[in-house]
PDB file of N, CA and C in Angstrom:
ATOM      1  N   UNK A   1    -186.812  10.054 -79.552  1.00  0.00           N
ATOM      2  CA  UNK A   1    -187.149  10.009 -78.144  1.00  0.00           C
ATOM      3  C   UNK A   1    -186.004  10.651 -77.374  1.00  0.00           C
ATOM      4  N   UNK A   2    -186.348  11.430 -76.390  1.00  0.00           N
ATOM      5  CA  UNK A   2    -185.343  12.052 -75.535  1.00  0.00           C
ATOM      6  C   UNK A   2    -185.573  11.609 -74.094  1.00  0.00           C
ATOM      7  N   UNK A   3    -184.529  11.084 -73.488  1.00  0.00           N
ATOM      8  CA  UNK A   3    -184.571  10.774 -72.057  1.00  0.00           C
ATOM      9  C   UNK A   3    -184.098  12.035 -71.353  1.00  0.00           C
ATOM     10  N   UNK A   4    -184.993  12.636 -70.566  1.00  0.00           N
ATOM     11  CA  UNK A   4    -184.650  13.921 -69.967  1.00  0.00           C
ATOM     12  C   UNK A   4    -184.634  13.918 -68.446  1.00  0.00           C
ATOM     13  N   UNK A   5    -184.924  12.779 -67.831  1.00  0.00           N
ATOM     14  CA  UNK A   5    -184.834  12.698 -66.367  1.00  0.00           C
ATOM     15  C   UNK A   5    -184.361  11.304 -65.996  1.00  0.00           C
ATOM     16  N   UNK A   6    -183.380  11.248 -65.089  1.00  0.00           N
ATOM     17  CA  UNK A   6    -182.812   9.982 -64.629  1.00  0.00           C
ATOM     18  C   UNK A   6    -182.765  10.049 -63.112  1.00  0.00           C
ATOM     19  N   UNK A   7    -183.374   9.051 -62.437  1.00  0.00           N
ATOM     20  CA  UNK A   7    -183.464   9.079 -60.979  1.00  0.00           C
ATOM     21  C   UNK A   7    -183.260   7.695 -60.389  1.00  0.00           C
ATOM     22  N   UNK A   8    -182.856   7.686 -59.125  1.00  0.00           N
ATOM     23  CA  UNK A   8    -182.753   6.444 -58.370  1.00  0.00           C
ATOM     24  C   UNK A   8    -182.829   6.767 -56.890  1.00  0.00           C
ATOM     25  N   UNK A   9    -183.375   5.834 -56.124  1.00  0.00           N
ATOM     26  CA  UNK A   9    -183.406   5.993 -54.670  1.00  0.00           C
ATOM     27  C   UNK A   9    -182.029   5.801 -54.050  1.00  0.00           C
ATOM     28  N   UNK A  10    -181.039   5.356 -54.842  1.00  0.00           N
ATOM     29  CA  UNK A  10    -179.714   5.069 -54.299  1.00  0.00           C
ATOM     30  C   UNK A  10    -178.883   6.328 -54.061  1.00  0.00           C
ATOM     31  N   UNK A  11    -179.287   7.462 -54.682  1.00  0.00           N
ATOM     32  CA  UNK A  11    -178.470   8.665 -54.572  1.00  0.00           C
ATOM     33  C   UNK A  11    -179.344   9.917 -54.657  1.00  0.00           C
ATOM     34  N   UNK A  12    -178.745  11.024 -54.307  1.00  0.00           N
ATOM     35  CA  UNK A  12    -179.469  12.289 -54.316  1.00  0.00           C
ATOM     36  C   UNK A  12    -179.792  12.756 -55.727  1.00  0.00           C
ATOM     37  N   UNK A  13    -178.844  12.517 -56.658  1.00  0.00           N
ATOM     38  CA  UNK A  13    -179.021  13.008 -58.024  1.00  0.00           C
ATOM     39  C   UNK A  13    -178.198  12.154 -58.969  1.00  0.00           C
ATOM     40  N   UNK A  14    -178.620  12.098 -60.225  1.00  0.00           N
ATOM     41  CA  UNK A  14    -177.861  11.410 -61.269  1.00  0.00           C
ATOM     42  C   UNK A  14    -177.663  12.386 -62.425  1.00  0.00           C
ATOM     43  N   UNK A  15    -176.423  12.483 -62.895  1.00  0.00           N
ATOM     44  CA  UNK A  15    -176.118  13.340 -64.034  1.00  0.00           C
ATOM     45  C   UNK A  15    -175.618  12.476 -65.179  1.00  0.00           C
ATOM     46  N   UNK A  16    -176.010  12.842 -66.385  1.00  0.00           N
ATOM     47  CA  UNK A  16    -175.539  12.184 -67.595  1.00  0.00           C
ATOM     48  C   UNK A  16    -174.389  13.015 -68.138  1.00  0.00           C
ATOM     49  N   UNK A  17    -173.246  12.374 -68.381  1.00  0.00           N
ATOM     50  CA  UNK A  17    -172.064  13.068 -68.896  1.00  0.00           C
ATOM     51  C   UNK A  17    -171.550  12.390 -70.158  1.00  0.00           C
ATOM     52  N   UNK A  18    -170.890  13.175 -70.979  1.00  0.00           N
ATOM     53  CA  UNK A  18    -170.193  12.669 -72.159  1.00  0.00           C
ATOM     54  C   UNK A  18    -168.728  13.044 -71.991  1.00  0.00           C
ATOM     55  N   UNK A  19    -167.847  12.079 -72.165  1.00  0.00           N
ATOM     56  CA  UNK A  19    -166.411  12.321 -72.086  1.00  0.00           C
ATOM     57  C   UNK A  19    -165.877  12.525 -73.496  1.00  0.00           C
ATOM     58  N   UNK A  20    -165.126  13.603 -73.693  1.00  0.00           N
ATOM     59  CA  UNK A  20    -164.555  13.899 -74.997  1.00  0.00           C
ATOM     60  C   UNK A  20    -163.097  14.306 -74.841  1.00  0.00           C
ATOM     61  N   UNK A  21    -162.348  14.153 -75.911  1.00  0.00           N
ATOM     62  CA  UNK A  21    -160.963  14.622 -75.956  1.00  0.00           C
ATOM     63  C   UNK A  21    -160.941  16.015 -76.559  1.00  0.00           C
ATOM     64  N   UNK A  22    -160.232  16.917 -75.898  1.00  0.00           N
ATOM     65  CA  UNK A  22    -160.057  18.279 -76.381  1.00  0.00           C
ATOM     66  C   UNK A  22    -158.550  18.518 -76.450  1.00  0.00           C
ATOM     67  N   UNK A  23    -157.966  18.177 -77.601  1.00  0.00           N
ATOM     68  CA  UNK A  23    -156.503  18.207 -77.712  1.00  0.00           C
ATOM     69  C   UNK A  23    -155.931  17.094 -76.853  1.00  0.00           C
ATOM     70  N   UNK A  24    -155.123  17.459 -75.871  1.00  0.00           N
ATOM     71  CA  UNK A  24    -154.550  16.456 -74.963  1.00  0.00           C
ATOM     72  C   UNK A  24    -155.297  16.398 -73.629  1.00  0.00           C
ATOM     73  N   UNK A  25    -156.431  17.087 -73.545  1.00  0.00           N
ATOM     74  CA  UNK A  25    -157.217  17.108 -72.305  1.00  0.00           C
ATOM     75  C   UNK A  25    -158.495  16.292 -72.457  1.00  0.00           C
ATOM     76  N   UNK A  26    -158.854  15.617 -71.385  1.00  0.00           N
ATOM     77  CA  UNK A  26    -160.114  14.874 -71.344  1.00  0.00           C
ATOM     78  C   UNK A  26    -161.132  15.750 -70.615  1.00  0.00           C
ATOM     79  N   UNK A  27    -162.298  15.917 -71.222  1.00  0.00           N
ATOM     80  CA  UNK A  27    -163.346  16.747 -70.624  1.00  0.00           C
ATOM     81  C   UNK A  27    -164.623  15.935 -70.438  1.00  0.00           C
ATOM     82  N   UNK A  28    -165.282  16.186 -69.323  1.00  0.00           N
ATOM     83  CA  UNK A  28    -166.608  15.628 -69.094  1.00  0.00           C
ATOM     84  C   UNK A  28    -167.600  16.777 -69.207  1.00  0.00           C
ATOM     85  N   UNK A  29    -168.599  16.592 -70.044  1.00  0.00           N
ATOM     86  CA  UNK A  29    -169.613  17.616 -70.262  1.00  0.00           C
ATOM     87  C   UNK A  29    -170.961  17.042 -69.868  1.00  0.00           C
ATOM     88  N   UNK A  30    -171.676  17.774 -69.021  1.00  0.00           N
ATOM     89  CA  UNK A  30    -173.013  17.337 -68.630  1.00  0.00           C
ATOM     90  C   UNK A  30    -173.947  17.454 -69.825  1.00  0.00           C
ATOM     91  N   UNK A  31    -174.774  16.443 -70.012  1.00  0.00           N
ATOM     92  CA  UNK A  31    -175.748  16.401 -71.093  1.00  0.00           C
ATOM     93  C   UNK A  31    -177.138  16.470 -70.471  1.00  0.00           C
ATOM     94  N   UNK A  32    -177.959  17.380 -70.967  1.00  0.00           N
ATOM     95  CA  UNK A  32    -179.299  17.557 -70.396  1.00  0.00           C
ATOM     96  C   UNK A  32    -180.262  16.451 -70.786  1.00  0.00           C
ATOM     97  N   UNK A  33    -180.096  15.877 -71.974  1.00  0.00           N
ATOM     98  CA  UNK A  33    -180.999  14.821 -72.441  1.00  0.00           C
ATOM     99  C   UNK A  33    -180.222  13.856 -73.319  1.00  0.00           C
ATOM    100  N   UNK A  34    -180.686  12.636 -73.338  1.00  0.00           N
ATOM    101  CA  UNK A  34    -180.105  11.604 -74.195  1.00  0.00           C
ATOM    102  C   UNK A  34    -181.077  11.381 -75.340  1.00  0.00           C
ATOM    103  N   UNK A  35    -180.676  11.776 -76.547  1.00  0.00           N
ATOM    104  CA  UNK A  35    -181.536  11.655 -77.731  1.00  0.00           C
ATOM    105  C   UNK A  35    -181.327  10.290 -78.380  1.00  0.00           C
ATOM    106  N   UNK A  36    -182.423   9.581 -78.625  1.00  0.00           N
ATOM    107  CA  UNK A  36    -182.370   8.266 -79.266  1.00  0.00           C
ATOM    108  C   UNK A  36    -183.375   8.204 -80.405  1.00  0.00           C
ATOM    109  N   UNK A  37    -182.946   7.653 -81.533  1.00  0.00           N
ATOM    110  CA  UNK A  37    -183.859   7.397 -82.646  1.00  0.00           C
ATOM    111  C   UNK A  37    -184.698   6.164 -82.291  1.00  0.00           C
ATOM    112  N   UNK A  38    -185.850   5.970 -82.934  1.00  0.00           N
ATOM    113  CA  UNK A  38    -186.649   4.774 -82.665  1.00  0.00           C
ATOM    114  C   UNK A  38    -185.814   3.500 -82.829  1.00  0.00           C
ATOM    115  N   UNK A  39    -185.934   2.615 -81.876  1.00  0.00           N
ATOM    116  CA  UNK A  39    -185.244   1.324 -81.822  1.00  0.00           C
ATOM    117  C   UNK A  39    -183.725   1.437 -81.643  1.00  0.00           C
ATOM    118  N   UNK A  40    -183.216   2.622 -81.397  1.00  0.00           N
ATOM    119  CA  UNK A  40    -181.785   2.812 -81.155  1.00  0.00           C
ATOM    120  C   UNK A  40    -181.472   2.507 -79.694  1.00  0.00           C
ATOM    121  N   UNK A  41    -180.328   1.907 -79.450  1.00  0.00           N
ATOM    122  CA  UNK A  41    -179.883   1.606 -78.087  1.00  0.00           C
ATOM    123  C   UNK A  41    -178.807   2.600 -77.677  1.00  0.00           C
ATOM    124  N   UNK A  42    -178.779   2.930 -76.408  1.00  0.00           N
ATOM    125  CA  UNK A  42    -177.709   3.769 -75.869  1.00  0.00           C
ATOM    126  C   UNK A  42    -176.709   2.859 -75.180  1.00  0.00           C
ATOM    127  N   UNK A  43    -175.443   3.151 -75.356  1.00  0.00           N
ATOM    128  CA  UNK A  43    -174.384   2.398 -74.693  1.00  0.00           C
ATOM    129  C   UNK A  43    -173.673   3.350 -73.750  1.00  0.00           C
ATOM    130  N   UNK A  44    -173.690   3.019 -72.474  1.00  0.00           N
ATOM    131  CA  UNK A  44    -173.013   3.824 -71.461  1.00  0.00           C
ATOM    132  C   UNK A  44    -171.704   3.141 -71.110  1.00  0.00           C
ATOM    133  N   UNK A  45    -170.598   3.872 -71.216  1.00  0.00           N
ATOM    134  CA  UNK A  45    -169.284   3.286 -70.980  1.00  0.00           C
ATOM    135  C   UNK A  45    -168.380   4.267 -70.254  1.00  0.00           C
ATOM    136  N   UNK A  46    -167.436   3.758 -69.463  1.00  0.00           N
ATOM    137  CA  UNK A  46    -166.407   4.645 -68.911  1.00  0.00           C
ATOM    138  C   UNK A  46    -165.641   5.262 -70.083  1.00  0.00           C
ATOM    139  N   UNK A  47    -165.372   6.531 -70.008  1.00  0.00           N
ATOM    140  CA  UNK A  47    -164.654   7.185 -71.087  1.00  0.00           C
ATOM    141  C   UNK A  47    -165.540   7.618 -72.236  1.00  0.00           C
ATOM    142  N   UNK A  48    -166.843   7.405 -72.127  1.00  0.00           N
ATOM    143  CA  UNK A  48    -167.810   7.822 -73.144  1.00  0.00           C
ATOM    144  C   UNK A  48    -169.004   8.439 -72.447  1.00  0.00           C
ATOM    145  N   UNK A  49    -170.182   8.147 -72.956  1.00  0.00           N
ATOM    146  CA  UNK A  49    -171.400   8.580 -72.264  1.00  0.00           C
ATOM    147  C   UNK A  49    -171.545   7.729 -71.006  1.00  0.00           C
ATOM    148  N   UNK A  50    -171.809   8.387 -69.880  1.00  0.00           N
ATOM    149  CA  UNK A  50    -171.920   7.635 -68.626  1.00  0.00           C
ATOM    150  C   UNK A  50    -172.815   8.383 -67.640  1.00  0.00           C
ATOM    151  N   UNK A  51    -173.286   7.645 -66.648  1.00  0.00           N
ATOM    152  CA  UNK A  51    -174.086   8.225 -65.572  1.00  0.00           C
ATOM    153  C   UNK A  51    -173.178   8.485 -64.381  1.00  0.00           C
ATOM    154  N   UNK A  52    -173.362   9.621 -63.756  1.00  0.00           N
ATOM    155  CA  UNK A  52    -172.624   9.940 -62.540  1.00  0.00           C
ATOM    156  C   UNK A  52    -173.619   9.949 -61.387  1.00  0.00           C
ATOM    157  N   UNK A  53    -173.452   9.017 -60.453  1.00  0.00           N
ATOM    158  CA  UNK A  53    -174.333   8.929 -59.287  1.00  0.00           C
ATOM    159  C   UNK A  53    -173.772   9.872 -58.229  1.00  0.00           C
ATOM    160  N   UNK A  54    -174.534  10.887 -57.870  1.00  0.00           N
ATOM    161  CA  UNK A  54    -174.064  11.948 -56.986  1.00  0.00           C
ATOM    162  C   UNK A  54    -174.677  11.791 -55.603  1.00  0.00           C
ATOM    163  N   UNK A  55    -173.829  11.842 -54.593  1.00  0.00           N
ATOM    164  CA  UNK A  55    -174.219  11.755 -53.183  1.00  0.00           C
ATOM    165  C   UNK A  55    -175.045  10.495 -52.901  1.00  0.00           C
ATOM    166  N   UNK A  56    -174.418   9.313 -53.003  1.00  0.00           N
ATOM    167  CA  UNK A  56    -175.144   8.078 -52.692  1.00  0.00           C
ATOM    168  C   UNK A  56    -175.702   8.099 -51.259  1.00  0.00           C
ATOM    169  N   UNK A  57    -176.891   7.540 -51.100  1.00  0.00           N
ATOM    170  CA  UNK A  57    -177.528   7.464 -49.786  1.00  0.00           C
ATOM    171  C   UNK A  57    -176.757   6.470 -48.906  1.00  0.00           C
ATOM    172  N   UNK A  58    -176.367   5.358 -49.475  1.00  0.00           N
ATOM    173  CA  UNK A  58    -175.543   4.323 -48.838  1.00  0.00           C
ATOM    174  C   UNK A  58    -174.366   4.050 -49.762  1.00  0.00           C
ATOM    175  N   UNK A  59    -173.259   3.517 -49.224  1.00  0.00           N
ATOM    176  CA  UNK A  59    -172.148   3.170 -50.116  1.00  0.00           C
ATOM    177  C   UNK A  59    -172.593   2.187 -51.200  1.00  0.00           C
ATOM    178  N   UNK A  60    -172.084   2.379 -52.408  1.00  0.00           N
ATOM    179  CA  UNK A  60    -172.387   1.494 -53.525  1.00  0.00           C
ATOM    180  C   UNK A  60    -171.150   0.633 -53.746  1.00  0.00           C
ATOM    181  N   UNK A  61    -171.335  -0.682 -53.714  1.00  0.00           N
ATOM    182  CA  UNK A  61    -170.207  -1.608 -53.758  1.00  0.00           C
ATOM    183  C   UNK A  61    -170.330  -2.593 -54.915  1.00  0.00           C
ATOM    184  N   UNK A  62    -169.177  -3.148 -55.276  1.00  0.00           N
ATOM    185  CA  UNK A  62    -169.124  -4.215 -56.275  1.00  0.00           C
ATOM    186  C   UNK A  62    -170.129  -5.302 -55.894  1.00  0.00           C
ATOM    187  N   UNK A  63    -170.917  -5.741 -56.851  1.00  0.00           N
ATOM    188  CA  UNK A  63    -171.907  -6.788 -56.609  1.00  0.00           C
ATOM    189  C   UNK A  63    -173.303  -6.253 -56.329  1.00  0.00           C
ATOM    190  N   UNK A  64    -173.416  -4.958 -55.984  1.00  0.00           N
ATOM    191  CA  UNK A  64    -174.738  -4.368 -55.757  1.00  0.00           C
ATOM    192  C   UNK A  64    -175.488  -4.250 -57.085  1.00  0.00           C
ATOM    193  N   UNK A  65    -176.788  -4.144 -56.992  1.00  0.00           N
ATOM    194  CA  UNK A  65    -177.634  -3.849 -58.144  1.00  0.00           C
ATOM    195  C   UNK A  65    -178.284  -2.497 -57.869  1.00  0.00           C
ATOM    196  N   UNK A  66    -178.134  -1.574 -58.802  1.00  0.00           N
ATOM    197  CA  UNK A  66    -178.672  -0.226 -58.645  1.00  0.00           C
ATOM    198  C   UNK A  66    -179.812  -0.035 -59.642  1.00  0.00           C
ATOM    199  N   UNK A  67    -181.059   0.112 -59.150  1.00  0.00           N
ATOM    200  CA  UNK A  67    -182.177   0.376 -60.056  1.00  0.00           C
ATOM    201  C   UNK A  67    -182.214   1.864 -60.418  1.00  0.00           C
ATOM    202  N   UNK A  68    -182.315   2.143 -61.709  1.00  0.00           N
ATOM    203  CA  UNK A  68    -182.371   3.525 -62.178  1.00  0.00           C
ATOM    204  C   UNK A  68    -183.575   3.677 -63.093  1.00  0.00           C
ATOM    205  N   UNK A  69    -184.329   4.753 -62.878  1.00  0.00           N
ATOM    206  CA  UNK A  69    -185.529   5.018 -63.671  1.00  0.00           C
ATOM    207  C   UNK A  69    -185.256   6.157 -64.655  1.00  0.00           C
ATOM    208  N   UNK A  70    -185.595   5.905 -65.902  1.00  0.00           N
ATOM    209  CA  UNK A  70    -185.414   6.863 -66.982  1.00  0.00           C
ATOM    210  C   UNK A  70    -186.781   7.375 -67.412  1.00  0.00           C
ATOM    211  N   UNK A  71    -186.916   8.696 -67.556  1.00  0.00           N
ATOM    212  CA  UNK A  71    -188.176   9.298 -68.002  1.00  0.00           C
ATOM    213  C   UNK A  71    -187.978   9.941 -69.362  1.00  0.00           C
ATOM    214  N   UNK A  72    -188.956   9.747 -70.239  1.00  0.00           N
ATOM    215  CA  UNK A  72    -188.894  10.273 -71.598  1.00  0.00           C
ATOM    216  C   UNK A  72    -189.642  11.597 -71.677  1.00  0.00           C
ATOM    217  N   UNK A  73    -189.137  12.499 -72.525  1.00  0.00           N
ATOM    218  CA  UNK A  73    -189.726  13.826 -72.668  1.00  0.00           C
ATOM    219  C   UNK A  73    -191.196  13.757 -73.089  1.00  0.00           C
ATOM    220  N   UNK A  74    -191.561  12.813 -73.936  1.00  0.00           N
ATOM    221  CA  UNK A  74    -192.930  12.689 -74.411  1.00  0.00           C
ATOM    222  C   UNK A  74    -193.832  11.903 -73.482  1.00  0.00           C
ATOM    223  N   UNK A  75    -193.322  11.521 -72.336  1.00  0.00           N
ATOM    224  CA  UNK A  75    -194.087  10.717 -71.388  1.00  0.00           C
ATOM    225  C   UNK A  75    -193.572   9.291 -71.369  1.00  0.00           C
ATOM    226  N   UNK A  76    -193.813   8.606 -70.314  1.00  0.00           N
ATOM    227  CA  UNK A  76    -193.387   7.229 -70.156  1.00  0.00           C
ATOM    228  C   UNK A  76    -192.062   7.122 -69.405  1.00  0.00           C
ATOM    229  N   UNK A  77    -191.932   6.039 -68.684  1.00  0.00           N
ATOM    230  CA  UNK A  77    -190.714   5.764 -67.930  1.00  0.00           C
ATOM    231  C   UNK A  77    -190.343   4.297 -68.107  1.00  0.00           C
ATOM    232  N   UNK A  78    -189.080   4.010 -67.857  1.00  0.00           N
ATOM    233  CA  UNK A  78    -188.652   2.619 -67.805  1.00  0.00           C
ATOM    234  C   UNK A  78    -187.518   2.504 -66.800  1.00  0.00           C
ATOM    235  N   UNK A  79    -187.360   1.306 -66.273  1.00  0.00           N
ATOM    236  CA  UNK A  79    -186.366   1.060 -65.232  1.00  0.00           C
ATOM    237  C   UNK A  79    -185.338   0.054 -65.741  1.00  0.00           C
ATOM    238  N   UNK A  80    -184.074   0.320 -65.374  1.00  0.00           N
ATOM    239  CA  UNK A  80    -182.985  -0.589 -65.694  1.00  0.00           C
ATOM    240  C   UNK A  80    -182.238  -0.882 -64.400  1.00  0.00           C
ATOM    241  N   UNK A  81    -181.984  -2.173 -64.142  1.00  0.00           N
ATOM    242  CA  UNK A  81    -181.182  -2.576 -62.984  1.00  0.00           C
ATOM    243  C   UNK A  81    -179.738  -2.749 -63.437  1.00  0.00           C
ATOM    244  N   UNK A  82    -178.846  -1.918 -62.908  1.00  0.00           N
ATOM    245  CA  UNK A  82    -177.437  -1.957 -63.267  1.00  0.00           C
ATOM    246  C   UNK A  82    -176.645  -2.758 -62.239  1.00  0.00           C
ATOM    247  N   UNK A  83    -175.795  -3.668 -62.704  1.00  0.00           N
ATOM    248  CA  UNK A  83    -174.885  -4.398 -61.831  1.00  0.00           C
ATOM    249  C   UNK A  83    -173.652  -3.534 -61.604  1.00  0.00           C
ATOM    250  N   UNK A  84    -173.279  -3.356 -60.345  1.00  0.00           N
ATOM    251  CA  UNK A  84    -172.091  -2.572 -60.004  1.00  0.00           C
ATOM    252  C   UNK A  84    -170.874  -3.456 -60.173  1.00  0.00           C
ATOM    253  N   UNK A  85    -169.913  -2.969 -60.954  1.00  0.00           N
ATOM    254  CA  UNK A  85    -168.720  -3.750 -61.252  1.00  0.00           C
ATOM    255  C   UNK A  85    -167.496  -3.039 -60.688  1.00  0.00           C
ATOM    256  N   UNK A  86    -166.419  -3.797 -60.497  1.00  0.00           N
ATOM    257  CA  UNK A  86    -165.171  -3.217 -60.011  1.00  0.00           C
ATOM    258  C   UNK A  86    -164.568  -2.314 -61.074  1.00  0.00           C
ATOM    259  N   UNK A  87    -163.807  -1.310 -60.606  1.00  0.00           N
ATOM    260  CA  UNK A  87    -163.033  -0.495 -61.540  1.00  0.00           C
ATOM    261  C   UNK A  87    -162.015  -1.356 -62.225  1.00  0.00           C
ATOM    262  N   UNK A  88    -161.714  -1.036 -63.464  1.00  0.00           N
ATOM    263  CA  UNK A  88    -160.729  -1.823 -64.205  1.00  0.00           C
ATOM    264  C   UNK A  88    -159.343  -1.326 -63.939  1.00  0.00           C
TER     265      UNK A  88
END
Protein backbone atom coordinates (compact mmCIF):
# COMPACT_ATOMS: atom_id res chain seq x y z
CA UNK A 1 0.00 0.00 0.00
CA UNK A 2 1.26 3.46 -0.81
CA UNK A 3 0.04 6.59 0.95
CA UNK A 4 0.36 9.23 -1.73
CA UNK A 5 -1.69 12.18 -0.44
CA UNK A 6 -1.73 13.76 3.02
CA UNK A 7 -4.06 16.67 3.82
CA UNK A 8 -5.51 18.65 6.69
CA UNK A 9 -7.69 21.72 7.09
CA UNK A 10 -5.11 23.03 9.59
CA UNK A 11 -2.58 24.05 6.92
CA UNK A 12 -2.12 24.83 3.27
CA UNK A 13 -0.01 21.76 2.53
CA UNK A 14 1.63 18.77 4.22
CA UNK A 15 4.91 17.27 3.07
CA UNK A 16 6.36 13.92 4.08
CA UNK A 17 10.11 14.06 4.74
CA UNK A 18 12.81 11.58 5.68
CA UNK A 19 15.80 12.78 7.68
CA UNK A 20 19.11 11.09 6.88
CA UNK A 21 22.76 11.55 7.77
CA UNK A 22 25.09 12.33 4.88
CA UNK A 23 28.56 12.24 6.43
CA UNK A 24 28.43 14.96 9.08
CA UNK A 25 25.40 16.69 7.51
CA UNK A 26 21.75 16.10 8.28
CA UNK A 27 19.48 16.17 5.22
CA UNK A 28 15.73 16.25 4.88
CA UNK A 29 14.44 14.70 1.68
CA UNK A 30 10.86 15.03 0.53
CA UNK A 31 9.19 11.67 -0.05
CA UNK A 32 6.39 11.44 -2.61
CA UNK A 33 4.73 8.36 -1.09
CA UNK A 34 4.93 6.27 2.04
CA UNK A 35 5.15 2.58 1.08
CA UNK A 36 3.76 0.09 3.60
CA UNK A 37 3.52 -3.69 3.45
CA UNK A 38 0.19 -5.24 4.53
CA UNK A 39 -0.29 -4.85 8.30
CA UNK A 40 2.90 -2.77 8.58
CA UNK A 41 2.81 0.36 10.74
CA UNK A 42 4.58 3.61 9.96
CA UNK A 43 6.37 5.43 12.76
CA UNK A 44 6.78 9.17 12.35
CA UNK A 45 9.50 10.68 14.54
CA UNK A 46 11.61 13.83 14.77
CA UNK A 47 14.90 13.02 13.12
CA UNK A 48 13.33 10.27 10.98
CA UNK A 49 10.27 10.11 8.77
CA UNK A 50 8.04 13.04 9.67
CA UNK A 51 5.25 15.28 8.41
CA UNK A 52 5.93 18.94 7.77
CA UNK A 53 2.83 21.12 8.17
CA UNK A 54 3.31 24.05 5.78
CA UNK A 55 1.60 27.43 6.18
CA UNK A 56 -0.77 26.69 9.08
CA UNK A 57 -4.15 28.44 8.79
CA UNK A 58 -4.07 29.19 12.55
CA UNK A 59 -1.17 28.83 14.99
CA UNK A 60 -0.67 25.23 16.11
CA UNK A 61 0.05 24.97 19.83
CA UNK A 62 0.95 22.38 22.44
CA UNK A 63 -2.23 20.56 23.47
CA UNK A 64 -4.00 21.01 20.11
CA UNK A 65 -5.28 18.02 18.17
CA UNK A 66 -4.56 18.10 14.43
CA UNK A 67 -6.69 15.83 12.22
CA UNK A 68 -4.81 14.58 9.16
CA UNK A 69 -6.28 12.56 6.30
CA UNK A 70 -4.17 10.01 4.45
CA UNK A 71 -5.14 8.78 0.97
CA UNK A 72 -3.94 5.49 -0.50
CA UNK A 73 -2.85 5.11 -4.12
CA UNK A 74 -5.27 2.20 -4.68
CA UNK A 75 -8.19 4.12 -3.20
CA UNK A 76 -9.43 4.63 0.31
CA UNK A 77 -8.64 7.18 2.99
CA UNK A 78 -8.18 7.19 6.72
CA UNK A 79 -7.88 9.91 9.33
CA UNK A 80 -5.51 10.17 12.28
CA UNK A 81 -5.84 12.75 15.07
CA UNK A 82 -2.36 13.85 16.17
CA UNK A 83 -1.74 15.40 19.60
CA UNK A 84 0.57 18.41 19.36
CA UNK A 85 3.43 18.07 21.82
CA UNK A 86 6.10 20.47 23.03
CA UNK A 87 9.54 20.42 21.44
CA UNK A 88 12.00 18.40 23.44
